[in-house]
Amino acid sequence: MNSLQLTRCSVNTATLGHREPIDVTIDRIAAAGFGGVAPWRHEVEAADVSKIAKQIRALDLKVTGYCRSTYFPASTQEQRQANIQSNIRALNDAAELGAQCFVMVVGGLPEGSRDLCAARMQVQDGIGALMEEARKVAVPLAIEPLHPMYAGERSVVSTIDQAHAIARELDPNNNGFLGVAVDVYHCWWDPHLESALTSIGNDNRILAYHVSDWLVPTTDLLLDRGMMGDGVIDLKRFRQSVENAGYAGMVEVEIFSRDNWWKLPPEQALQTCAERLQSVC
């Protein structure tokens, strides 16, 4: 397996902690030699979408994903519909940015609910409601399964197989607009990982691949992701499995690290990302 070239690597802007205006972050990522960027909605929506899109094109960066969807489940039909409309607006921004996919973190249980099955049905219905818009603006929807520790509040979709089942149900003919974002942080533990990757690979539904590492101990389940090589994930083996499944796209680093990497100078974080992507991934 060849080492990664930085031109095949992307940086999710969360990796730098959202500490600077997004135009500054994008310039930093390009100057560090990366080939792609994955911006977050709140940063883009606080700026001018058209100007950000123009900047990204001028720097010849690929947009590996647009993060992220509004959660789908809600306690009322009105709120569920509002969530869908929010996602439609974001899809149109993703199209203007030239995003390769719109990353969907689907949401957990509505407040006061214990009905996991109902929440999952709301997710499936919500994704289904976005399919026509995704085709219209030519931005694929990428369901990102999250680690099951997030099932209560962030995602009732916890495995690649679950995400794949939704994709097959809603898009049985595989028209290219519904697939899966594979994030090592969320999927590395899955005993069915290899077969799940093979399955979505055979369906050509791997739309994005995200890397970080799992620290032991992990001091915060959301904001203590590790830099690649600092944790226990076999990242080289994982990439080999993803590529064996047919994925030939970009590798996106996405690290939430409030007490470590977000406190260091952004250029130091980017330099370390570059070194680790090429040495341990």
C-alpha atoms as a PDB file:
ATOM      1  CA  MET A   1       0.000   0.000   0.000  1.00  0.00           C
ATOM      2  CA  ASN A   2       1.453   3.333  -1.085  1.00  0.00           C
ATOM      3  CA  SER A   3       1.805   6.225   1.342  1.00  0.00           C
ATOM      4  CA  LEU A   4      -0.754   8.985   0.963  1.00  0.00           C
ATOM      5  CA  GLN A   5       0.027  12.064  -1.072  1.00  0.00           C
ATOM      6  CA  LEU A   6      -1.227  15.301   0.492  1.00  0.00           C
ATOM      7  CA  THR A   7      -3.060  16.146  -2.705  1.00  0.00           C
ATOM      8  CA  ARG A   8      -5.281  13.161  -1.912  1.00  0.00           C
ATOM      9  CA  CYS A   9      -5.891  14.389   1.637  1.00  0.00           C
ATOM     10  CA  SER A  10      -8.508  16.775   2.953  1.00  0.00           C
ATOM     11  CA  VAL A  11      -8.910  18.646   6.230  1.00  0.00           C
ATOM     12  CA  ASN A  12     -12.266  18.979   7.934  1.00  0.00           C
ATOM     13  CA  THR A  13     -12.302  22.515   9.311  1.00  0.00           C
ATOM     14  CA  ALA A  14     -13.326  21.254  12.768  1.00  0.00           C
ATOM     15  CA  THR A  15      -9.779  19.894  13.054  1.00  0.00           C
ATOM     16  CA  LEU A  16      -8.578  23.462  13.608  1.00  0.00           C
ATOM     17  CA  GLY A  17     -11.233  24.173  16.230  1.00  0.00           C
ATOM     18  CA  HIS A  18     -13.269  26.836  14.404  1.00  0.00           C
ATOM     19  CA  ARG A  19     -10.995  29.467  15.924  1.00  0.00           C
ATOM     20  CA  GLU A  20     -10.541  31.664  12.862  1.00  0.00           C
ATOM     21  CA  PRO A  21     -12.806  32.916  10.066  1.00  0.00           C
ATOM     22  CA  ILE A  22     -13.386  30.193   7.517  1.00  0.00           C
ATOM     23  CA  ASP A  23     -11.605  32.059   4.732  1.00  0.00           C
ATOM     24  CA  VAL A  24      -8.449  32.127   6.862  1.00  0.00           C
ATOM     25  CA  THR A  25      -8.810  28.420   7.653  1.00  0.00           C
ATOM     26  CA  ILE A  26      -9.235  27.553   3.973  1.00  0.00           C
ATOM     27  CA  ASP A  27      -6.139  29.541   3.037  1.00  0.00           C
ATOM     28  CA  ARG A  28      -4.151  27.732   5.736  1.00  0.00           C
ATOM     29  CA  ILE A  29      -5.251  24.309   4.501  1.00  0.00           C
ATOM     30  CA  ALA A  30      -4.321  25.113   0.917  1.00  0.00           C
ATOM     31  CA  ALA A  31      -0.973  26.628   1.900  1.00  0.00           C
ATOM     32  CA  ALA A  32      -0.115  23.469   3.860  1.00  0.00           C
ATOM     33  CA  GLY A  33      -0.420  21.441   0.654  1.00  0.00           C
ATOM     34  CA  PHE A  34      -3.682  19.589   1.209  1.00  0.00           C
ATOM     35  CA  GLY A  35      -5.875  18.843  -1.774  1.00  0.00           C
ATOM     36  CA  GLY A  36      -9.246  19.228  -0.107  1.00  0.00           C
ATOM     37  CA  VAL A  37     -11.351  20.843   2.573  1.00  0.00           C
ATOM     38  CA  ALA A  38     -14.583  19.909   4.355  1.00  0.00           C
ATOM     39  CA  PRO A  39     -16.276  23.030   5.758  1.00  0.00           C
ATOM     40  CA  TRP A  40     -18.892  23.173   8.469  1.00  0.00           C
ATOM     41  CA  ARG A  41     -22.260  24.793   7.895  1.00  0.00           C
ATOM     42  CA  HIS A  42     -22.166  27.263  10.762  1.00  0.00           C
ATOM     43  CA  GLU A  43     -18.903  28.680   9.419  1.00  0.00           C
ATOM     44  CA  VAL A  44     -20.150  28.971   5.851  1.00  0.00           C
ATOM     45  CA  GLU A  45     -23.541  30.341   6.844  1.00  0.00           C
ATOM     46  CA  ALA A  46     -21.846  33.032   8.928  1.00  0.00           C
ATOM     47  CA  ALA A  47     -19.912  34.137   5.844  1.00  0.00           C
ATOM     48  CA  ASP A  48     -20.833  34.559   2.171  1.00  0.00           C
ATOM     49  CA  VAL A  49     -21.372  31.189   0.513  1.00  0.00           C
ATOM     50  CA  SER A  50     -20.587  32.450  -2.980  1.00  0.00           C
ATOM     51  CA  LYS A  51     -17.332  34.083  -1.851  1.00  0.00           C
ATOM     52  CA  ILE A  52     -16.251  30.932  -0.019  1.00  0.00           C
ATOM     53  CA  ALA A  53     -17.047  28.844  -3.099  1.00  0.00           C
ATOM     54  CA  LYS A  54     -15.023  31.193  -5.290  1.00  0.00           C
ATOM     55  CA  GLN A  55     -12.091  31.053  -2.854  1.00  0.00           C
ATOM     56  CA  ILE A  56     -12.122  27.254  -2.803  1.00  0.00           C
ATOM     57  CA  ARG A  57     -12.184  27.078  -6.604  1.00  0.00           C
ATOM     58  CA  ALA A  58      -9.362  29.601  -6.904  1.00  0.00           C
ATOM     59  CA  LEU A  59      -7.214  27.481  -4.575  1.00  0.00           C
ATOM     60  CA  ASP A  60      -8.062  24.349  -6.583  1.00  0.00           C
ATOM     61  CA  LEU A  61      -9.331  22.537  -3.496  1.00  0.00           C
ATOM     62  CA  LYS A  62     -11.874  19.728  -3.608  1.00  0.00           C
ATOM     63  CA  VAL A  63     -14.752  19.897  -1.115  1.00  0.00           C
ATOM     64  CA  THR A  64     -14.809  16.348   0.224  1.00  0.00           C
ATOM     65  CA  GLY A  65     -17.969  16.931   2.225  1.00  0.00           C
ATOM     66  CA  TYR A  66     -20.253  19.590   3.639  1.00  0.00           C
ATOM     67  CA  CYS A  67     -20.895  19.140   7.370  1.00  0.00           C
ATOM     68  CA  ARG A  68     -23.518  18.489   8.450  1.00  0.00           C
ATOM     69  CA  SER A  69     -27.252  17.856   8.302  1.00  0.00           C
ATOM     70  CA  THR A  70     -29.812  19.168  10.750  1.00  0.00           C
ATOM     71  CA  TYR A  71     -30.989  16.242  12.867  1.00  0.00           C
ATOM     72  CA  PHE A  72     -34.157  14.621  11.499  1.00  0.00           C
ATOM     73  CA  PRO A  73     -36.107  13.291  14.524  1.00  0.00           C
ATOM     74  CA  ALA A  74     -38.368  15.686  16.391  1.00  0.00           C
ATOM     75  CA  SER A  75     -41.381  15.604  18.675  1.00  0.00           C
ATOM     76  CA  THR A  76     -43.776  17.276  16.243  1.00  0.00           C
ATOM     77  CA  GLN A  77     -44.518  17.022  12.537  1.00  0.00           C
ATOM     78  CA  GLU A  78     -43.947  20.762  12.192  1.00  0.00           C
ATOM     79  CA  GLN A  79     -40.435  20.507  13.602  1.00  0.00           C
ATOM     80  CA  ARG A  80     -39.646  17.466  11.471  1.00  0.00           C
ATOM     81  CA  GLN A  81     -40.689  19.401   8.374  1.00  0.00           C
ATOM     82  CA  ALA A  82     -38.626  22.399   9.480  1.00  0.00           C
ATOM     83  CA  ASN A  83     -35.606  20.112   9.841  1.00  0.00           C
ATOM     84  CA  ILE A  84     -36.092  18.837   6.294  1.00  0.00           C
ATOM     85  CA  GLN A  85     -36.323  22.391   4.942  1.00  0.00           C
ATOM     86  CA  SER A  86     -33.149  23.310   6.812  1.00  0.00           C
ATOM     87  CA  ASN A  87     -31.387  20.417   5.132  1.00  0.00           C
ATOM     88  CA  ILE A  88     -32.673  21.427   1.699  1.00  0.00           C
ATOM     89  CA  ARG A  89     -31.178  24.882   2.186  1.00  0.00           C
ATOM     90  CA  ALA A  90     -27.879  23.297   3.214  1.00  0.00           C
ATOM     91  CA  LEU A  91     -27.942  21.014   0.173  1.00  0.00           C
ATOM     92  CA  ASN A  92     -28.150  24.054  -2.068  1.00  0.00           C
ATOM     93  CA  ASP A  93     -25.153  25.597  -0.299  1.00  0.00           C
ATOM     94  CA  ALA A  94     -23.302  22.304  -0.706  1.00  0.00           C
ATOM     95  CA  ALA A  95     -23.991  22.460  -4.440  1.00  0.00           C
ATOM     96  CA  GLU A  96     -22.665  26.009  -4.661  1.00  0.00           C
ATOM     97  CA  LEU A  97     -19.507  24.909  -2.858  1.00  0.00           C
ATOM     98  CA  GLY A  98     -19.081  21.975  -5.227  1.00  0.00           C
ATOM     99  CA  ALA A  99     -19.247  19.466  -2.378  1.00  0.00           C
ATOM    100  CA  GLN A 100     -18.708  15.825  -3.259  1.00  0.00           C
ATOM    101  CA  CYS A 101     -21.356  14.900  -0.676  1.00  0.00           C
ATOM    102  CA  PHE A 102     -23.595  16.305   2.039  1.00  0.00           C
ATOM    103  CA  VAL A 103     -22.692  14.556   5.291  1.00  0.00           C
ATOM    104  CA  MET A 104     -25.712  13.496   7.311  1.00  0.00           C
ATOM    105  CA  VAL A 105     -25.448  13.074  11.058  1.00  0.00           C
ATOM    106  CA  VAL A 106     -29.034  12.011  11.443  1.00  0.00           C
ATOM    107  CA  GLY A 107     -29.943  12.756  15.060  1.00  0.00           C
ATOM    108  CA  GLY A 108     -30.901  10.815  18.166  1.00  0.00           C
ATOM    109  CA  LEU A 109     -34.065  10.410  20.187  1.00  0.00           C
ATOM    110  CA  PRO A 110     -36.432  13.382  20.344  1.00  0.00           C
ATOM    111  CA  GLU A 111     -36.608  15.010  23.749  1.00  0.00           C
ATOM    112  CA  GLY A 112     -38.636  12.877  26.149  1.00  0.00           C
ATOM    113  CA  SER A 113     -38.785   9.885  23.815  1.00  0.00           C
ATOM    114  CA  ARG A 114     -37.558   6.347  24.377  1.00  0.00           C
ATOM    115  CA  ASP A 115     -38.858   5.037  21.055  1.00  0.00           C
ATOM    116  CA  LEU A 116     -35.731   4.112  19.116  1.00  0.00           C
ATOM    117  CA  CYS A 117     -37.648   2.458  16.276  1.00  0.00           C
ATOM    118  CA  ALA A 118     -39.772   5.557  15.740  1.00  0.00           C
ATOM    119  CA  ALA A 119     -36.692   7.772  15.679  1.00  0.00           C
ATOM    120  CA  ARG A 120     -35.097   5.553  13.055  1.00  0.00           C
ATOM    121  CA  MET A 121     -38.225   5.721  10.935  1.00  0.00           C
ATOM    122  CA  GLN A 122     -38.181   9.507  11.187  1.00  0.00           C
ATOM    123  CA  VAL A 123     -34.585   9.439   9.988  1.00  0.00           C
ATOM    124  CA  GLN A 124     -35.418   7.244   7.025  1.00  0.00           C
ATOM    125  CA  ASP A 125     -38.438   9.358   6.124  1.00  0.00           C
ATOM    126  CA  GLY A 126     -36.369  12.545   6.418  1.00  0.00           C
ATOM    127  CA  ILE A 127     -33.605  11.247   4.176  1.00  0.00           C
ATOM    128  CA  GLY A 128     -36.206  10.082   1.706  1.00  0.00           C
ATOM    129  CA  ALA A 129     -37.648  13.588   1.600  1.00  0.00           C
ATOM    130  CA  LEU A 130     -34.226  14.946   0.543  1.00  0.00           C
ATOM    131  CA  MET A 131     -33.599  12.520  -2.296  1.00  0.00           C
ATOM    132  CA  GLU A 132     -35.239  14.558  -5.053  1.00  0.00           C
ATOM    133  CA  GLU A 133     -33.410  17.727  -4.010  1.00  0.00           C
ATOM    134  CA  ALA A 134     -30.108  15.831  -3.896  1.00  0.00           C
ATOM    135  CA  ARG A 135     -30.638  14.687  -7.469  1.00  0.00           C
ATOM    136  CA  LYS A 136     -31.728  18.164  -8.530  1.00  0.00           C
ATOM    137  CA  VAL A 137     -28.577  19.864  -7.230  1.00  0.00           C
ATOM    138  CA  ALA A 138     -26.322  16.849  -7.952  1.00  0.00           C
ATOM    139  CA  VAL A 139     -24.988  16.465  -4.412  1.00  0.00           C
ATOM    140  CA  PRO A 140     -25.019  12.909  -3.015  1.00  0.00           C
ATOM    141  CA  LEU A 141     -26.272  12.321   0.523  1.00  0.00           C
ATOM    142  CA  ALA A 142     -23.746  10.532   2.751  1.00  0.00           C
ATOM    143  CA  ILE A 143     -25.189   8.859   5.853  1.00  0.00           C
ATOM    144  CA  GLU A 144     -22.515   8.873   8.551  1.00  0.00           C
ATOM    145  CA  PRO A 145     -22.984   6.174  11.178  1.00  0.00           C
ATOM    146  CA  LEU A 146     -21.833   7.323  14.617  1.00  0.00           C
ATOM    147  CA  HIS A 147     -20.450   5.273  17.479  1.00  0.00           C
ATOM    148  CA  PRO A 148     -23.342   3.795  19.500  1.00  0.00           C
ATOM    149  CA  MET A 149     -22.427   5.978  22.477  1.00  0.00           C
ATOM    150  CA  TYR A 150     -24.159   8.757  20.519  1.00  0.00           C
ATOM    151  CA  ALA A 151     -27.434   6.924  19.867  1.00  0.00           C
ATOM    152  CA  GLY A 152     -29.368   8.912  22.448  1.00  0.00           C
ATOM    153  CA  GLU A 153     -28.599  12.392  21.198  1.00  0.00           C
ATOM    154  CA  ARG A 154     -26.672  12.452  17.919  1.00  0.00           C
ATOM    155  CA  SER A 155     -27.347   9.421  15.763  1.00  0.00           C
ATOM    156  CA  VAL A 156     -29.659   6.436  15.906  1.00  0.00           C
ATOM    157  CA  VAL A 157     -27.657   5.017  12.987  1.00  0.00           C
ATOM    158  CA  SER A 158     -24.655   3.310  14.566  1.00  0.00           C
ATOM    159  CA  THR A 159     -23.197   0.941  11.983  1.00  0.00           C
ATOM    160  CA  ILE A 160     -22.270   0.855   8.328  1.00  0.00           C
ATOM    161  CA  ASP A 161     -24.752  -1.976   7.822  1.00  0.00           C
ATOM    162  CA  GLN A 162     -27.587   0.156   9.225  1.00  0.00           C
ATOM    163  CA  ALA A 163     -26.683   3.040   6.933  1.00  0.00           C
ATOM    164  CA  HIS A 164     -26.401   0.678   3.986  1.00  0.00           C
ATOM    165  CA  ALA A 165     -29.844  -0.774   4.693  1.00  0.00           C
ATOM    166  CA  ILE A 166     -31.369   2.718   4.603  1.00  0.00           C
ATOM    167  CA  ALA A 167     -29.573   3.494   1.345  1.00  0.00           C
ATOM    168  CA  ARG A 168     -30.813   0.294  -0.266  1.00  0.00           C
ATOM    169  CA  GLU A 169     -34.366   0.878   0.903  1.00  0.00           C
ATOM    170  CA  LEU A 170     -34.551   4.462  -0.348  1.00  0.00           C
ATOM    171  CA  ASP A 171     -32.397   4.082  -3.450  1.00  0.00           C
ATOM    172  CA  PRO A 172     -32.709   0.450  -4.581  1.00  0.00           C
ATOM    173  CA  ASN A 173     -31.483   1.216  -8.091  1.00  0.00           C
ATOM    174  CA  ASN A 174     -28.414   3.030  -6.736  1.00  0.00           C
ATOM    175  CA  ASN A 175     -28.709   6.206  -8.731  1.00  0.00           C
ATOM    176  CA  GLY A 176     -25.566   7.580  -7.097  1.00  0.00           C
ATOM    177  CA  PHE A 177     -27.137  10.035  -4.690  1.00  0.00           C
ATOM    178  CA  LEU A 178     -27.300   8.063  -1.441  1.00  0.00           C
ATOM    179  CA  GLY A 179     -24.360   6.364   0.243  1.00  0.00           C
ATOM    180  CA  VAL A 180     -22.236   6.207   3.371  1.00  0.00           C
ATOM    181  CA  ALA A 181     -19.527   8.331   4.963  1.00  0.00           C
ATOM    182  CA  VAL A 182     -17.104   5.973   6.728  1.00  0.00           C
ATOM    183  CA  ASP A 183     -15.414   7.507   9.782  1.00  0.00           C
ATOM    184  CA  VAL A 184     -12.818   5.362  11.530  1.00  0.00           C
ATOM    185  CA  TYR A 185     -13.602   6.922  14.915  1.00  0.00           C
ATOM    186  CA  HIS A 186     -17.151   5.659  14.744  1.00  0.00           C
ATOM    187  CA  CYS A 187     -16.670   2.304  12.997  1.00  0.00           C
ATOM    188  CA  TRP A 188     -13.319   0.829  14.028  1.00  0.00           C
ATOM    189  CA  TRP A 189     -14.847  -1.304  16.803  1.00  0.00           C
ATOM    190  CA  ASP A 190     -17.457  -3.029  14.595  1.00  0.00           C
ATOM    191  CA  PRO A 191     -16.941  -6.832  14.491  1.00  0.00           C
ATOM    192  CA  HIS A 192     -18.644  -6.818  11.063  1.00  0.00           C
ATOM    193  CA  LEU A 193     -16.472  -4.023   9.678  1.00  0.00           C
ATOM    194  CA  GLU A 194     -14.780  -5.958   6.884  1.00  0.00           C
ATOM    195  CA  SER A 195     -17.975  -7.461   5.505  1.00  0.00           C
ATOM    196  CA  ALA A 196     -19.794  -4.143   5.857  1.00  0.00           C
ATOM    197  CA  LEU A 197     -17.102  -2.306   3.892  1.00  0.00           C
ATOM    198  CA  THR A 198     -17.118  -4.986   1.222  1.00  0.00           C
ATOM    199  CA  SER A 199     -20.891  -4.728   0.947  1.00  0.00           C
ATOM    200  CA  ILE A 200     -21.057  -0.953   0.526  1.00  0.00           C
ATOM    201  CA  GLY A 201     -18.043  -1.124  -1.758  1.00  0.00           C
ATOM    202  CA  ASN A 202     -19.764  -3.639  -4.004  1.00  0.00           C
ATOM    203  CA  ASP A 203     -22.698  -1.228  -4.163  1.00  0.00           C
ATOM    204  CA  ASN A 204     -20.335   1.680  -4.900  1.00  0.00           C
ATOM    205  CA  ARG A 205     -21.768   3.595  -1.956  1.00  0.00           C
ATOM    206  CA  ILE A 206     -18.625   4.747  -0.084  1.00  0.00           C
ATOM    207  CA  LEU A 207     -18.875   8.509  -0.487  1.00  0.00           C
ATOM    208  CA  ALA A 208     -16.333   9.710   2.079  1.00  0.00           C
ATOM    209  CA  TYR A 209     -13.598   8.386   4.354  1.00  0.00           C
ATOM    210  CA  HIS A 210     -12.670  10.193   7.594  1.00  0.00           C
ATOM    211  CA  VAL A 211      -9.666   9.533   9.831  1.00  0.00           C
ATOM    212  CA  SER A 212      -8.597  10.349  13.383  1.00  0.00           C
ATOM    213  CA  ASP A 213      -7.746   8.020  16.279  1.00  0.00           C
ATOM    214  CA  TRP A 214      -9.282   6.573  19.431  1.00  0.00           C
ATOM    215  CA  LEU A 215      -7.371   7.505  22.550  1.00  0.00           C
ATOM    216  CA  VAL A 216      -7.091   5.257  25.587  1.00  0.00           C
ATOM    217  CA  PRO A 217      -8.280   6.588  27.913  1.00  0.00           C
ATOM    218  CA  THR A 218     -10.718   8.925  26.187  1.00  0.00           C
ATOM    219  CA  THR A 219     -11.515  11.812  28.516  1.00  0.00           C
ATOM    220  CA  ASP A 220     -14.421  13.267  26.536  1.00  0.00           C
ATOM    221  CA  LEU A 221     -16.585  11.210  24.186  1.00  0.00           C
ATOM    222  CA  LEU A 222     -17.061  14.111  21.768  1.00  0.00           C
ATOM    223  CA  LEU A 223     -14.070  16.402  22.125  1.00  0.00           C
ATOM    224  CA  ASP A 224     -11.120  14.082  22.772  1.00  0.00           C
ATOM    225  CA  ARG A 225     -10.420  12.466  19.428  1.00  0.00           C
ATOM    226  CA  GLY A 226      -6.830  11.556  18.835  1.00  0.00           C
ATOM    227  CA  MET A 227      -4.356  12.573  16.174  1.00  0.00           C
ATOM    228  CA  MET A 228      -3.679   9.683  13.838  1.00  0.00           C
ATOM    229  CA  GLY A 229      -1.078   7.407  15.394  1.00  0.00           C
ATOM    230  CA  ASP A 230      -1.766   8.471  18.983  1.00  0.00           C
ATOM    231  CA  GLY A 231      -4.483   5.894  19.630  1.00  0.00           C
ATOM    232  CA  VAL A 232      -5.419   2.272  19.096  1.00  0.00           C
ATOM    233  CA  ILE A 233      -6.966   2.187  15.595  1.00  0.00           C
ATOM    234  CA  ASP A 234      -5.042   0.214  12.971  1.00  0.00           C
ATOM    235  CA  LEU A 235      -5.304   2.983  10.401  1.00  0.00           C
ATOM    236  CA  LYS A 236      -3.200   1.369   7.694  1.00  0.00           C
ATOM    237  CA  ARG A 237      -5.288  -1.779   7.817  1.00  0.00           C
ATOM    238  CA  PHE A 238      -8.485   0.257   7.815  1.00  0.00           C
ATOM    239  CA  ARG A 239      -7.457   2.205   4.709  1.00  0.00           C
ATOM    240  CA  GLN A 240      -6.447  -1.018   3.011  1.00  0.00           C
ATOM    241  CA  SER A 241      -9.907  -2.416   3.719  1.00  0.00           C
ATOM    242  CA  VAL A 242     -11.608   0.722   2.393  1.00  0.00           C
ATOM    243  CA  GLU A 243      -9.498   0.671  -0.758  1.00  0.00           C
ATOM    244  CA  ASN A 244     -10.016  -3.073  -1.216  1.00  0.00           C
ATOM    245  CA  ALA A 245     -13.729  -2.237  -1.157  1.00  0.00           C
ATOM    246  CA  GLY A 246     -13.173   0.016  -4.160  1.00  0.00           C
ATOM    247  CA  TYR A 247     -12.816   3.451  -2.597  1.00  0.00           C
ATOM    248  CA  ALA A 248     -10.291   5.621  -4.425  1.00  0.00           C
ATOM    249  CA  GLY A 249     -11.367   9.026  -3.144  1.00  0.00           C
ATOM    250  CA  MET A 250      -9.823  11.464  -0.721  1.00  0.00           C
ATOM    251  CA  VAL A 251      -8.888  10.833   2.901  1.00  0.00           C
ATOM    252  CA  GLU A 252     -10.330  13.465   5.225  1.00  0.00           C
ATOM    253  CA  VAL A 253      -8.897  14.143   8.670  1.00  0.00           C
ATOM    254  CA  GLU A 254     -11.528  15.169  11.222  1.00  0.00           C
ATOM    255  CA  ILE A 255     -10.370  15.703  14.801  1.00  0.00           C
ATOM    256  CA  PHE A 256     -12.348  17.196  17.676  1.00  0.00           C
ATOM    257  CA  SER A 257      -9.749  17.906  20.355  1.00  0.00           C
ATOM    258  CA  ARG A 258     -10.740  20.709  22.700  1.00  0.00           C
ATOM    259  CA  ASP A 259      -7.965  20.247  25.247  1.00  0.00           C
ATOM    260  CA  ASN A 260      -5.115  19.345  22.925  1.00  0.00           C
ATOM    261  CA  TRP A 261      -5.005  20.102  19.200  1.00  0.00           C
ATOM    262  CA  TRP A 262      -7.477  22.972  19.341  1.00  0.00           C
ATOM    263  CA  LYS A 263      -5.136  24.752  21.773  1.00  0.00           C
ATOM    264  CA  LEU A 264      -2.077  24.490  19.544  1.00  0.00           C
ATOM    265  CA  PRO A 265      -1.238  26.870  16.685  1.00  0.00           C
ATOM    266  CA  PRO A 266      -3.244  25.912  13.584  1.00  0.00           C
ATOM    267  CA  GLU A 267      -0.110  25.594  11.473  1.00  0.00           C
ATOM    268  CA  GLN A 268       1.310  23.072  13.966  1.00  0.00           C
ATOM    269  CA  ALA A 269      -1.865  21.004  13.838  1.00  0.00           C
ATOM    270  CA  LEU A 270      -1.825  21.004  10.038  1.00  0.00           C
ATOM    271  CA  GLN A 271       1.847  20.051   9.901  1.00  0.00           C
ATOM    272  CA  THR A 272       1.237  17.130  12.253  1.00  0.00           C
ATOM    273  CA  CYS A 273      -1.820  16.046  10.243  1.00  0.00           C
ATOM    274  CA  ALA A 274       0.300  16.042   7.096  1.00  0.00           C
ATOM    275  CA  GLU A 275       3.053  14.002   8.715  1.00  0.00           C
ATOM    276  CA  ARG A 276       0.702  11.433  10.248  1.00  0.00           C
ATOM    277  CA  LEU A 277      -1.447  11.039   7.130  1.00  0.00           C
ATOM    278  CA  GLN A 278       1.677  10.123   5.201  1.00  0.00           C
ATOM    279  CA  SER A 279       3.245   7.913   7.862  1.00  0.00           C
ATOM    280  CA  VAL A 280       0.531   6.060   9.815  1.00  0.00           C
ATOM    281  CA  CYS A 281      -2.526   6.148   7.564  1.00  0.00           C
END
